[in-house]
């Protein structure tokens, strides 16, 4: 299993959130999603007008990402008791 497959496999009850290949489907335009490459996971978005992915956070905001292979929606936040 690659690093990308191991990172952020989130159990949502009976449903497992899975990575989606960019070859199979692209995220909705400009929606915040998790983006994955073979060596990184970050928050970003897909720009359908430019047909490209870009980062969303930090000093690299808007930086064009060319090596994205997979994406996934944010998982639901944890529920339960707070500390």
Protein backbone atom coordinates (compact mmCIF):
# COMPACT_ATOMS: atom_id res chain seq x y z
CA UNK A 1 0.00 0.00 0.00
CA UNK A 2 1.45 3.38 -0.99
CA UNK A 3 1.84 6.30 1.39
CA UNK A 4 -1.09 8.01 -0.32
CA UNK A 5 -3.34 5.01 0.27
CA UNK A 6 -2.41 4.82 3.94
CA UNK A 7 -2.90 8.51 4.76
CA UNK A 8 -6.32 9.68 5.92
CA UNK A 9 -8.39 6.52 5.46
CA UNK A 10 -11.25 7.71 7.64
CA UNK A 11 -13.89 5.34 9.01
CA UNK A 12 -17.31 7.03 8.88
CA UNK A 13 -19.38 4.28 10.50
CA UNK A 14 -19.89 1.72 7.78
CA UNK A 15 -18.56 3.98 5.03
CA UNK A 16 -14.85 4.38 4.36
CA UNK A 17 -13.84 7.65 2.74
CA UNK A 18 -11.64 6.74 -0.20
CA UNK A 19 -9.27 8.65 -2.42
CA UNK A 20 -10.65 9.38 -5.91
CA UNK A 21 -8.30 9.27 -8.87
CA UNK A 22 -8.21 12.46 -10.95
CA UNK A 23 -8.42 10.15 -13.96
CA UNK A 24 -11.85 8.96 -12.77
CA UNK A 25 -13.43 12.17 -11.47
CA UNK A 26 -12.58 15.78 -10.64
CA UNK A 27 -13.87 17.66 -7.59
CA UNK A 28 -16.45 20.44 -7.87
CA UNK A 29 -14.81 23.68 -8.92
CA UNK A 30 -13.22 25.74 -6.15
CA UNK A 31 -14.46 23.49 -3.31
CA UNK A 32 -11.91 22.82 -0.57
CA UNK A 33 -10.76 19.21 -0.80
CA UNK A 34 -7.80 17.13 0.28
CA UNK A 35 -5.33 16.69 -2.56
CA UNK A 36 -2.82 13.87 -2.73
CA UNK A 37 0.30 13.07 -4.68
CA UNK A 38 2.69 10.19 -4.15
CA UNK A 39 4.52 12.10 -1.40
CA UNK A 40 2.17 14.75 0.02
CA UNK A 41 -1.36 15.54 1.20
CA UNK A 42 -2.62 19.11 1.37
CA UNK A 43 -5.72 21.30 1.21
CA UNK A 44 -6.53 22.76 -2.15
CA UNK A 45 -9.09 23.12 -4.90
CA UNK A 46 -9.69 22.40 -8.57
CA UNK A 47 -9.99 25.40 -10.91
CA UNK A 48 -12.17 24.23 -13.83
CA UNK A 49 -11.57 27.39 -15.86
CA UNK A 50 -7.80 26.77 -15.84
CA UNK A 51 -8.09 22.95 -15.62
CA UNK A 52 -5.60 22.81 -12.73
CA UNK A 53 -5.26 22.20 -9.01
CA UNK A 54 -4.02 24.86 -6.60
CA UNK A 55 -3.15 24.99 -2.91
CA UNK A 56 -5.49 26.73 -0.50
CA UNK A 57 -3.49 27.27 2.71
CA UNK A 58 -0.42 29.03 3.97
CA UNK A 59 2.28 30.78 2.04
CA UNK A 60 1.70 28.53 -0.97
CA UNK A 61 -1.94 29.65 -1.41
CA UNK A 62 -2.81 29.71 -5.09
CA UNK A 63 0.36 27.83 -6.02
CA UNK A 64 -0.39 25.58 -8.99
CA UNK A 65 0.05 21.88 -8.28
CA UNK A 66 0.92 19.64 -11.20
CA UNK A 67 1.54 16.28 -9.52
CA UNK A 68 -1.89 15.67 -7.97
CA UNK A 69 -3.06 12.10 -8.56
CA UNK A 70 -6.00 11.80 -6.13
CA UNK A 71 -8.44 13.87 -4.10
CA UNK A 72 -11.13 13.38 -1.46
CA UNK A 73 -13.81 15.44 0.27
CA UNK A 74 -13.17 16.47 3.85
CA UNK A 75 -14.26 13.77 6.27
CA UNK A 76 -16.99 14.56 8.79
CA UNK A 77 -15.59 16.12 11.96
CA UNK A 78 -15.27 13.82 14.98
CA UNK A 79 -18.23 13.57 17.28
CA UNK A 80 -18.37 12.71 20.94
CA UNK A 81 -17.11 14.15 24.16
CA UNK A 82 -14.82 17.15 24.22
CA UNK A 83 -11.87 17.46 26.57
